[in-house]
Amino acid sequence: MEKRPHLDILLCAPRGFCAGVDRAIQIVELALEKYGAPVYVRHAIVHNKYVVDGLRAKGAIFVEELSEIPDTEAPVVFSAHGVPKSVPADAKTRNMFFLDATCPLVSKVHVEAQRHFAEGREIVLIGHAGHPEVLGTMGQLPEGAITLIETVADAMVFTPKNPETLAFVTQTTLSVDDTREIVAALKSRFPAVSGPHKEDICYATTNRQEAIKAVAPEVDAMIVVGSPNSSNSLRLVEVAERSGCKVAMLVDRASEIDWSRLVGIRSLGVSAGASAPETLVDEVIEAFAERYDIKVETRVTARENIAFNIPRELRTLETAVAR
């Protein structure tokens, strides 16, 4: 039998599920358990195909808009990314029973935007056009109250109504470095610009990017487990490339690994976006174990022990399940 080549795998920690994703999935699962199928979910609960397919198999029905849901007493869950204010208002008009799985760190950004607006400030949102979190944040305020800025170039040509009453908030899943540059550009042009008390990019996004930065320069290739519609997962691939890793790829599952890009590697970094379950990381490592003699080492750059409360309607059930 041909001897398999040796491969050192550096496993990034933290990786995978964050507290907001964990809470959102739990809300759908507990709702299914308490109320039975179907449970309607507006937009993918989190951006991961494996997770969504798993919940669909249990009886969750995913829709993009409330208008797709028939008149029903079944629960409706809003995704972790947050929704415009018009969505719960519409749900109330239709007497829907809804559960809000918006990540509390996204809700924090919504509150900040509303506070700035109430204090008469013009608001800039740093984020990616079309992302559901951005649509949700912009939808907290009247149309035109928030201007979206995606790049440093956008920041350099933006003209506020009054530079003295300007504030910014950000999407929670951005590149830490890119955002720092955009904020610096805004501050250089508008020194009075008001920012969040504590930065909006969430702890999980920051920690996963820092873990990649620590590992990427040491490995020949990096695999990030995550779906292509996951903003935080895409950023991890970019961070790996910028940190000196020549081959960095995003894969939803082990079956998507492009082995032709990995010929001759001796070391590999593995991470996962905040919406990717650990079972898919295990699957990727198993795929390498079939082709290589692997040695796995975990590189820990931070420890996370954050957990968020679930809606009170489901708490008694959560306690029973925990026991």
Protein backbone atom coordinates (compact mmCIF):
# COMPACT_ATOMS: atom_id res chain seq x y z
CA MET A 1 0.00 0.00 0.00
CA GLU A 2 1.29 3.43 -0.98
CA LYS A 3 2.46 5.50 1.98
CA ARG A 4 0.25 8.53 2.54
CA PRO A 5 1.97 11.92 2.73
CA HIS A 6 2.10 13.60 6.16
CA LEU A 7 -0.09 16.67 6.73
CA ASP A 8 -0.06 18.99 9.73
CA ILE A 9 -3.51 20.47 10.37
CA LEU A 10 -3.81 23.61 12.49
CA LEU A 11 -7.37 23.94 13.73
CA CYS A 12 -8.35 27.55 14.47
CA ALA A 13 -10.10 28.25 17.76
CA PRO A 14 -12.51 29.93 18.10
CA ARG A 15 -14.34 28.77 14.95
CA GLY A 16 -17.87 27.83 13.98
CA PHE A 17 -21.09 28.65 15.81
CA CYS A 18 -21.33 31.91 17.71
CA ALA A 19 -23.84 32.61 20.49
CA GLY A 20 -26.25 34.44 18.17
CA VAL A 21 -26.36 31.58 15.66
CA ASP A 22 -26.69 28.99 18.43
CA ARG A 23 -29.64 30.93 19.89
CA ALA A 24 -31.37 31.35 16.51
CA ILE A 25 -31.19 27.63 15.67
CA GLN A 26 -32.36 26.76 19.18
CA ILE A 27 -35.39 29.05 18.77
CA VAL A 28 -36.51 27.18 15.63
CA GLU A 29 -35.87 23.75 17.18
CA LEU A 30 -37.69 24.59 20.43
CA ALA A 31 -40.61 26.12 18.50
CA LEU A 32 -40.91 22.90 16.47
CA GLU A 33 -40.82 20.90 19.69
CA LYS A 34 -43.38 23.04 21.50
CA TYR A 35 -45.82 23.90 18.70
CA GLY A 36 -45.16 21.14 16.17
CA ALA A 37 -44.59 21.54 12.43
CA PRO A 38 -44.79 23.70 10.52
CA VAL A 39 -42.77 26.59 11.90
CA TYR A 40 -42.30 29.33 9.31
CA VAL A 41 -38.95 31.10 9.13
CA ARG A 42 -38.53 34.41 7.31
CA HIS A 43 -35.23 34.18 5.40
CA ALA A 44 -32.60 31.51 6.10
CA ILE A 45 -32.37 31.42 9.91
CA VAL A 46 -28.56 31.56 9.52
CA HIS A 47 -26.51 31.49 6.33
CA ASN A 48 -25.64 27.81 6.21
CA LYS A 49 -27.20 25.32 3.79
CA TYR A 50 -26.60 22.29 6.04
CA VAL A 51 -28.33 23.97 9.01
CA VAL A 52 -31.27 25.18 6.90
CA ASP A 53 -31.74 21.77 5.25
CA GLY A 54 -31.63 20.09 8.68
CA LEU A 55 -34.35 22.37 10.07
CA ARG A 56 -36.41 21.98 6.90
CA ALA A 57 -36.31 18.20 7.40
CA LYS A 58 -37.72 18.71 10.92
CA GLY A 59 -40.65 20.78 9.64
CA ALA A 60 -39.42 24.36 9.24
CA ILE A 61 -40.69 26.18 6.14
CA PHE A 62 -38.43 28.95 4.87
CA VAL A 63 -39.86 31.98 3.08
CA GLU A 64 -38.37 35.28 1.97
CA GLU A 65 -41.43 37.41 2.76
CA LEU A 66 -44.39 37.15 5.15
CA SER A 67 -46.72 37.40 2.13
CA GLU A 68 -45.70 33.83 1.23
CA ILE A 69 -47.17 32.52 4.53
CA PRO A 70 -50.85 31.51 4.53
CA ASP A 71 -53.16 32.64 7.33
CA THR A 72 -51.96 30.40 10.13
CA GLU A 73 -51.57 30.05 13.87
CA ALA A 74 -48.16 28.43 13.36
CA PRO A 75 -45.17 30.36 14.75
CA VAL A 76 -43.15 32.63 12.45
CA VAL A 77 -39.46 33.11 13.28
CA PHE A 78 -37.41 36.12 12.13
CA SER A 79 -33.82 35.23 11.19
CA ALA A 80 -30.68 36.03 13.18
CA HIS A 81 -29.80 38.83 10.75
CA GLY A 82 -32.62 41.09 11.91
CA VAL A 83 -35.57 42.54 9.99
CA PRO A 84 -36.85 46.00 9.04
CA LYS A 85 -39.44 47.45 11.44
CA SER A 86 -42.10 46.95 8.77
CA VAL A 87 -41.86 43.15 9.16
CA PRO A 88 -43.05 42.77 12.80
CA ALA A 89 -45.59 45.55 12.09
CA ASP A 90 -46.95 43.51 9.17
CA ALA A 91 -46.95 40.34 11.33
CA LYS A 92 -48.98 42.13 14.01
CA THR A 93 -51.48 43.37 11.40
CA ARG A 94 -51.99 39.77 10.31
CA ASN A 95 -52.23 38.55 13.94
CA MET A 96 -49.25 36.27 13.45
CA PHE A 97 -47.50 34.66 16.40
CA PHE A 98 -43.87 35.54 15.82
CA LEU A 99 -40.57 34.82 17.57
CA ASP A 100 -37.64 37.15 16.94
CA ALA A 101 -34.31 35.33 16.55
CA THR A 102 -32.39 38.53 15.73
CA CYS A 103 -28.91 38.30 17.25
CA PRO A 104 -28.75 40.60 20.31
CA LEU A 105 -25.56 42.15 18.89
CA VAL A 106 -27.46 43.10 15.73
CA SER A 107 -30.29 44.48 17.89
CA LYS A 108 -27.63 46.61 19.66
CA VAL A 109 -26.79 48.22 16.29
CA HIS A 110 -30.51 48.87 15.67
CA VAL A 111 -30.77 50.63 19.05
CA GLU A 112 -27.67 52.73 18.32
CA ALA A 113 -29.07 53.84 14.95
CA GLN A 114 -32.38 54.79 16.57
CA ARG A 115 -30.56 56.72 19.33
CA HIS A 116 -28.51 58.70 16.79
CA PHE A 117 -31.66 59.46 14.79
CA ALA A 118 -33.53 60.61 17.89
CA GLU A 119 -30.63 62.94 18.70
CA GLY A 120 -30.86 64.50 15.23
CA ARG A 121 -27.78 62.92 13.67
CA GLU A 122 -27.34 61.84 10.08
CA ILE A 123 -26.32 58.18 10.01
CA VAL A 124 -23.83 56.26 7.89
CA LEU A 125 -23.98 52.46 7.89
CA ILE A 126 -20.78 50.65 6.91
CA GLY A 127 -21.82 47.36 5.34
CA HIS A 128 -22.57 45.33 2.22
CA ALA A 129 -25.50 46.30 0.00
CA GLY A 130 -28.27 43.73 -0.11
CA HIS A 131 -27.14 41.77 2.95
CA PRO A 132 -30.19 40.99 5.14
CA GLU A 133 -28.51 42.51 8.19
CA VAL A 134 -28.00 45.78 6.30
CA LEU A 135 -31.60 45.75 5.04
CA GLY A 136 -32.77 45.16 8.62
CA THR A 137 -30.69 47.99 10.09
CA MET A 138 -31.64 50.49 7.38
CA GLY A 139 -35.26 49.43 7.86
CA GLN A 140 -35.27 50.60 11.49
CA LEU A 141 -35.58 54.23 10.38
CA PRO A 142 -37.46 56.23 7.74
CA GLU A 143 -36.15 55.93 4.19
CA GLY A 144 -33.17 58.22 3.58
CA ALA A 145 -32.18 58.45 7.27
CA ILE A 146 -29.26 56.05 6.75
CA THR A 147 -26.64 56.18 3.98
CA LEU A 148 -24.79 52.95 3.14
CA ILE A 149 -21.01 53.10 2.70
CA GLU A 150 -19.25 49.97 1.43
CA THR A 151 -15.68 51.12 0.73
CA VAL A 152 -13.02 53.71 1.54
CA ALA A 153 -13.78 55.24 -1.88
CA ASP A 154 -17.43 55.65 -0.82
CA ALA A 155 -16.28 57.32 2.40
CA MET A 156 -14.06 59.76 0.47
CA VAL A 157 -16.89 61.03 -1.76
CA PHE A 158 -19.72 61.00 0.79
CA THR A 159 -21.12 64.44 1.53
CA PRO A 160 -23.17 64.77 4.73
CA LYS A 161 -25.80 67.45 5.21
CA ASN A 162 -23.93 68.64 8.31
CA PRO A 163 -20.47 67.22 9.18
CA GLU A 164 -21.02 68.24 12.82
CA THR A 165 -24.02 65.96 13.29
CA LEU A 166 -22.78 62.75 11.66
CA ALA A 167 -22.71 59.25 13.19
CA PHE A 168 -21.77 55.79 11.95
CA VAL A 169 -22.80 52.22 12.76
CA THR A 170 -21.56 49.02 11.10
CA GLN A 171 -22.69 45.60 10.02
CA THR A 172 -21.56 43.03 12.61
CA THR A 173 -19.84 40.59 10.21
CA LEU A 174 -17.37 42.82 8.35
CA SER A 175 -13.62 42.57 7.91
CA VAL A 176 -12.12 44.23 10.99
CA ASP A 177 -9.26 45.70 8.93
CA ASP A 178 -11.44 46.99 6.07
CA THR A 179 -13.83 48.61 8.53
CA ARG A 180 -10.96 50.24 10.41
CA GLU A 181 -9.80 51.84 7.13
CA ILE A 182 -13.31 53.09 6.26
CA VAL A 183 -13.79 54.53 9.77
CA ALA A 184 -10.35 56.21 9.55
CA ALA A 185 -11.36 57.78 6.21
CA LEU A 186 -14.59 59.10 7.72
CA LYS A 187 -12.80 60.46 10.79
CA SER A 188 -10.11 62.15 8.69
CA ARG A 189 -12.81 64.01 6.73
CA PHE A 190 -15.32 64.52 9.54
CA PRO A 191 -13.50 64.70 12.91
CA ALA A 192 -16.79 65.23 14.78
CA VAL A 193 -18.30 61.95 13.53
CA SER A 194 -19.85 59.96 16.36
CA GLY A 195 -19.23 56.19 16.58
CA PRO A 196 -20.51 53.35 18.75
CA HIS A 197 -19.41 53.18 22.41
CA LYS A 198 -18.13 49.67 21.70
CA GLU A 199 -17.45 48.65 18.13
CA ASP A 200 -20.32 47.05 16.24
CA ILE A 201 -18.34 44.22 14.63
CA CYS A 202 -19.28 41.35 16.89
CA TYR A 203 -16.88 39.49 19.18
CA ALA A 204 -17.27 36.28 17.17
CA THR A 205 -16.38 37.89 13.83
CA THR A 206 -13.35 39.56 15.41
CA ASN A 207 -12.17 36.41 17.22
CA ARG A 208 -12.48 34.21 14.13
CA GLN A 209 -10.55 36.70 12.02
CA GLU A 210 -7.80 36.98 14.67
CA ALA A 211 -7.51 33.17 14.81
CA ILE A 212 -7.07 33.05 11.02
CA LYS A 213 -4.40 35.79 11.20
CA ALA A 214 -2.45 33.70 13.72
CA VAL A 215 -2.58 30.50 11.65
CA ALA A 216 -2.59 31.61 7.99
CA PRO A 217 1.09 32.68 7.78
CA GLU A 218 2.19 29.25 9.05
CA VAL A 219 0.29 27.01 6.60
CA ASP A 220 0.41 26.17 2.89
CA ALA A 221 -3.38 26.30 2.53
CA MET A 222 -6.46 27.31 4.49
CA ILE A 223 -9.95 25.87 4.35
CA VAL A 224 -12.87 27.84 5.77
CA VAL A 225 -16.04 25.81 6.26
CA GLY A 226 -19.05 27.96 5.45
CA SER A 227 -21.68 28.81 2.86
CA PRO A 228 -21.03 31.29 0.04
CA ASN A 229 -23.90 33.53 1.24
CA SER A 230 -22.28 33.85 4.69
CA SER A 231 -20.66 37.28 5.00
CA ASN A 232 -18.47 36.39 7.99
CA SER A 233 -17.23 33.20 6.25
CA LEU A 234 -16.27 35.08 3.07
CA ARG A 235 -14.34 37.59 5.20
CA LEU A 236 -12.35 34.73 6.79
CA VAL A 237 -11.11 33.62 3.35
CA GLU A 238 -10.09 37.21 2.54
CA VAL A 239 -8.27 37.53 5.88
CA ALA A 240 -6.37 34.28 5.23
CA GLU A 241 -5.23 35.51 1.81
CA ARG A 242 -4.17 38.90 3.18
CA SER A 243 -2.29 37.18 5.99
CA GLY A 244 -0.03 35.43 3.52
CA CYS A 245 -1.77 32.13 2.83
CA LYS A 246 -1.41 31.41 -0.90
CA VAL A 247 -4.36 28.99 -1.14
CA ALA A 248 -7.55 29.81 0.79
CA MET A 249 -10.91 28.30 -0.07
CA LEU A 250 -14.46 28.39 1.22
CA VAL A 251 -16.28 25.05 1.23
CA ASP A 252 -19.83 24.24 2.29
CA ARG A 253 -18.97 20.55 2.73
CA ALA A 254 -15.97 18.23 2.35
CA SER A 255 -17.34 17.18 -1.06
CA GLU A 256 -16.58 20.71 -2.35
CA ILE A 257 -12.83 20.60 -1.61
CA ASP A 258 -10.85 21.36 -4.77
CA TRP A 259 -8.04 18.85 -4.32
CA SER A 260 -6.22 20.13 -7.42
CA ARG A 261 -5.37 23.34 -5.52
CA LEU A 262 -3.85 21.37 -2.64
CA VAL A 263 -1.22 19.30 -4.45
CA GLY A 264 2.04 19.19 -2.50
CA ILE A 265 0.80 20.90 0.68
CA ARG A 266 2.40 19.89 3.97
CA SER A 267 0.36 22.05 6.31
CA LEU A 268 -3.28 23.13 6.39
CA GLY A 269 -5.29 25.59 8.44
CA VAL A 270 -8.97 24.86 9.09
CA SER A 271 -11.59 27.27 10.39
CA ALA A 272 -15.35 27.71 10.10
CA GLY A 273 -17.66 30.68 9.80
CA ALA A 274 -19.98 31.60 12.67
CA SER A 275 -22.93 29.81 11.05
CA ALA A 276 -21.12 26.55 10.23
CA PRO A 277 -21.66 23.54 12.54
CA GLU A 278 -18.71 21.60 13.96
CA THR A 279 -19.91 18.38 12.30
CA LEU A 280 -18.91 19.87 8.92
CA VAL A 281 -15.42 20.67 10.27
CA ASP A 282 -15.12 17.03 11.38
CA GLU A 283 -16.22 15.95 7.92
CA VAL A 284 -13.45 18.04 6.30
CA ILE A 285 -10.80 16.64 8.64
CA GLU A 286 -11.99 13.09 7.89
CA ALA A 287 -11.67 13.79 4.15
CA PHE A 288 -8.02 14.77 4.67
CA ALA A 289 -7.45 11.74 6.93
CA GLU A 290 -8.44 9.51 3.99
CA ARG A 291 -5.68 11.03 1.83
CA TYR A 292 -2.98 11.99 4.32
CA ASP A 293 -1.35 10.83 7.50
CA ILE A 294 -2.65 13.74 9.55
CA LYS A 295 -1.57 15.35 12.80
CA VAL A 296 -4.14 17.80 14.19
CA GLU A 297 -3.24 20.63 16.55
CA THR A 298 -5.68 23.23 17.86
CA ARG A 299 -4.43 26.82 17.95
CA VAL A 300 -6.41 28.77 20.55
CA THR A 301 -6.31 32.58 20.27
CA ALA A 302 -9.37 33.42 22.41
CA ARG A 303 -11.95 31.71 24.59
CA GLU A 304 -15.68 32.37 24.24
CA ASN A 305 -18.27 31.77 26.94
CA ILE A 306 -21.07 34.05 25.78
CA ALA A 307 -24.68 32.82 25.68
CA PHE A 308 -27.86 34.75 24.90
CA ASN A 309 -31.32 34.26 26.38
CA ILE A 310 -34.03 32.80 24.17
CA PRO A 311 -37.55 34.32 23.98
CA ARG A 312 -39.54 33.79 27.19
CA GLU A 313 -42.24 31.81 25.33
CA LEU A 314 -39.67 29.01 24.89
CA ARG A 315 -37.71 29.25 28.16
CA THR A 316 -39.62 26.64 30.17
CA LEU A 317 -39.05 24.18 27.37
CA GLU A 318 -35.36 25.05 27.22
CA THR A 319 -35.00 24.30 30.95
CA ALA A 320 -36.75 20.95 30.53
CA VAL A 321 -34.51 20.04 27.58
CA ALA A 322 -31.38 21.10 29.51
CA ARG A 323 -32.28 18.72 32.32
